């Protein structure tokens, strides 16, 4: 992806991140009953970044996610938690997972 177009890069990062976040959410829903103390839909940002966006720094990924949240105020598909260490898939995000191919 070209560094010359940061908007395209941010869209690609958000698209890739959301696809993986939705996939992980679906997996966790299948095992939710076996781990009742787990915080639902909360995942470490760095873990997802390393798994599917390793070519981008964690700061770049977080910046793209923050920008996406600002563009979607009131219906953001995700929320950053714990000093931006973790991410929460919101109800709106779960409803939009099909947009990311999940």
Protein backbone atom coordinates (compact mmCIF):
# COMPACT_ATOMS: atom_id res chain seq x y z
CA UNK A 1 0.00 0.00 0.00
CA UNK A 2 1.30 3.41 -0.92
CA UNK A 3 2.41 5.69 1.88
CA UNK A 4 1.52 8.60 -0.40
CA UNK A 5 -2.19 8.12 0.32
CA UNK A 6 -2.73 7.94 4.09
CA UNK A 7 -6.53 7.86 3.74
CA UNK A 8 -6.38 4.67 1.66
CA UNK A 9 -3.89 3.20 4.10
CA UNK A 10 -6.12 4.05 7.07
CA UNK A 11 -9.13 2.48 5.33
CA UNK A 12 -7.15 -0.68 4.63
CA UNK A 13 -5.98 -0.83 8.25
CA UNK A 14 -9.51 -0.34 9.61
CA UNK A 15 -10.99 -2.87 7.17
CA UNK A 16 -8.36 -5.50 8.02
CA UNK A 17 -8.56 -4.82 11.77
CA UNK A 18 -12.36 -4.94 11.85
CA UNK A 19 -12.45 -8.18 9.88
CA UNK A 20 -10.12 -9.82 12.42
CA UNK A 21 -11.97 -8.26 15.37
CA UNK A 22 -15.28 -9.62 14.08
CA UNK A 23 -13.74 -13.04 13.46
CA UNK A 24 -12.37 -13.18 17.01
CA UNK A 25 -15.69 -12.00 18.39
CA UNK A 26 -17.50 -14.81 16.57
CA UNK A 27 -15.02 -17.35 17.96
CA UNK A 28 -15.43 -16.00 21.49
CA UNK A 29 -19.22 -16.20 21.23
CA UNK A 30 -18.85 -19.94 20.66
CA UNK A 31 -16.89 -20.43 23.90
CA UNK A 32 -18.49 -17.67 26.04
CA UNK A 33 -20.32 -20.13 28.26
CA UNK A 34 -17.09 -21.89 29.22
CA UNK A 35 -15.43 -18.67 30.50
CA UNK A 36 -18.09 -16.62 32.30
CA UNK A 37 -15.61 -14.11 33.79
CA UNK A 38 -14.23 -13.00 30.43
CA UNK A 39 -15.00 -9.42 29.40
CA UNK A 40 -17.18 -9.83 26.30
CA UNK A 41 -15.92 -8.52 22.99
CA UNK A 42 -12.71 -7.02 24.47
CA UNK A 43 -9.43 -7.87 22.74
CA UNK A 44 -5.81 -6.65 22.98
CA UNK A 45 -5.12 -4.23 20.10
CA UNK A 46 -1.47 -5.23 19.85
CA UNK A 47 -2.39 -8.91 19.49
CA UNK A 48 -4.63 -8.16 16.50
CA UNK A 49 -2.08 -5.74 15.02
CA UNK A 50 0.67 -8.37 15.18
CA UNK A 51 -1.59 -11.06 13.71
CA UNK A 52 -2.93 -9.21 10.67
CA UNK A 53 -1.24 -5.81 10.40
CA UNK A 54 2.37 -6.54 11.31
CA UNK A 55 3.67 -4.34 8.51
CA UNK A 56 2.24 -1.30 10.33
CA UNK A 57 3.39 0.01 13.69
CA UNK A 58 1.04 -0.18 16.63
CA UNK A 59 0.86 3.64 16.70
CA UNK A 60 -0.23 3.78 13.06
CA UNK A 61 -2.91 1.15 13.68
CA UNK A 62 -4.21 2.96 16.77
CA UNK A 63 -4.24 6.25 14.86
CA UNK A 64 -6.31 4.73 12.06
CA UNK A 65 -8.74 3.25 14.59
CA UNK A 66 -9.08 6.59 16.43
CA UNK A 67 -9.78 8.33 13.12
CA UNK A 68 -12.42 5.76 12.25
CA UNK A 69 -14.08 6.26 15.63
CA UNK A 70 -14.14 10.05 15.11
CA UNK A 71 -15.73 9.60 11.67
CA UNK A 72 -18.42 7.41 13.25
CA UNK A 73 -19.25 9.32 16.44
CA UNK A 74 -22.53 8.01 17.81
CA UNK A 75 -22.35 4.72 15.92
CA UNK A 76 -18.71 3.67 16.17
CA UNK A 77 -18.16 -0.05 15.63
CA UNK A 78 -15.41 -0.15 18.24
CA UNK A 79 -14.24 1.55 21.40
CA UNK A 80 -10.67 1.82 22.66
CA UNK A 81 -10.22 0.90 26.33
CA UNK A 82 -7.55 0.76 29.02
CA UNK A 83 -5.36 3.54 27.64
CA UNK A 84 -5.83 2.24 24.09
CA UNK A 85 -4.44 -1.18 25.02
CA UNK A 86 -7.69 -3.03 24.34
CA UNK A 87 -10.58 -2.72 21.94
CA UNK A 88 -14.27 -3.37 22.49
CA UNK A 89 -16.49 -4.43 19.61
CA UNK A 90 -19.68 -2.42 20.12
CA UNK A 91 -23.22 -3.58 19.39
CA UNK A 92 -23.08 -1.45 16.23
CA UNK A 93 -19.82 -3.12 15.29
CA UNK A 94 -21.31 -6.59 15.67
CA UNK A 95 -24.21 -5.54 13.44
CA UNK A 96 -21.75 -4.33 10.78
CA UNK A 97 -19.43 -7.38 10.78
CA UNK A 98 -20.97 -8.56 7.52
CA UNK A 99 -19.52 -5.43 5.88
CA UNK A 100 -16.04 -6.80 6.60
CA UNK A 101 -16.74 -10.22 5.13
CA UNK A 102 -17.35 -11.99 8.43
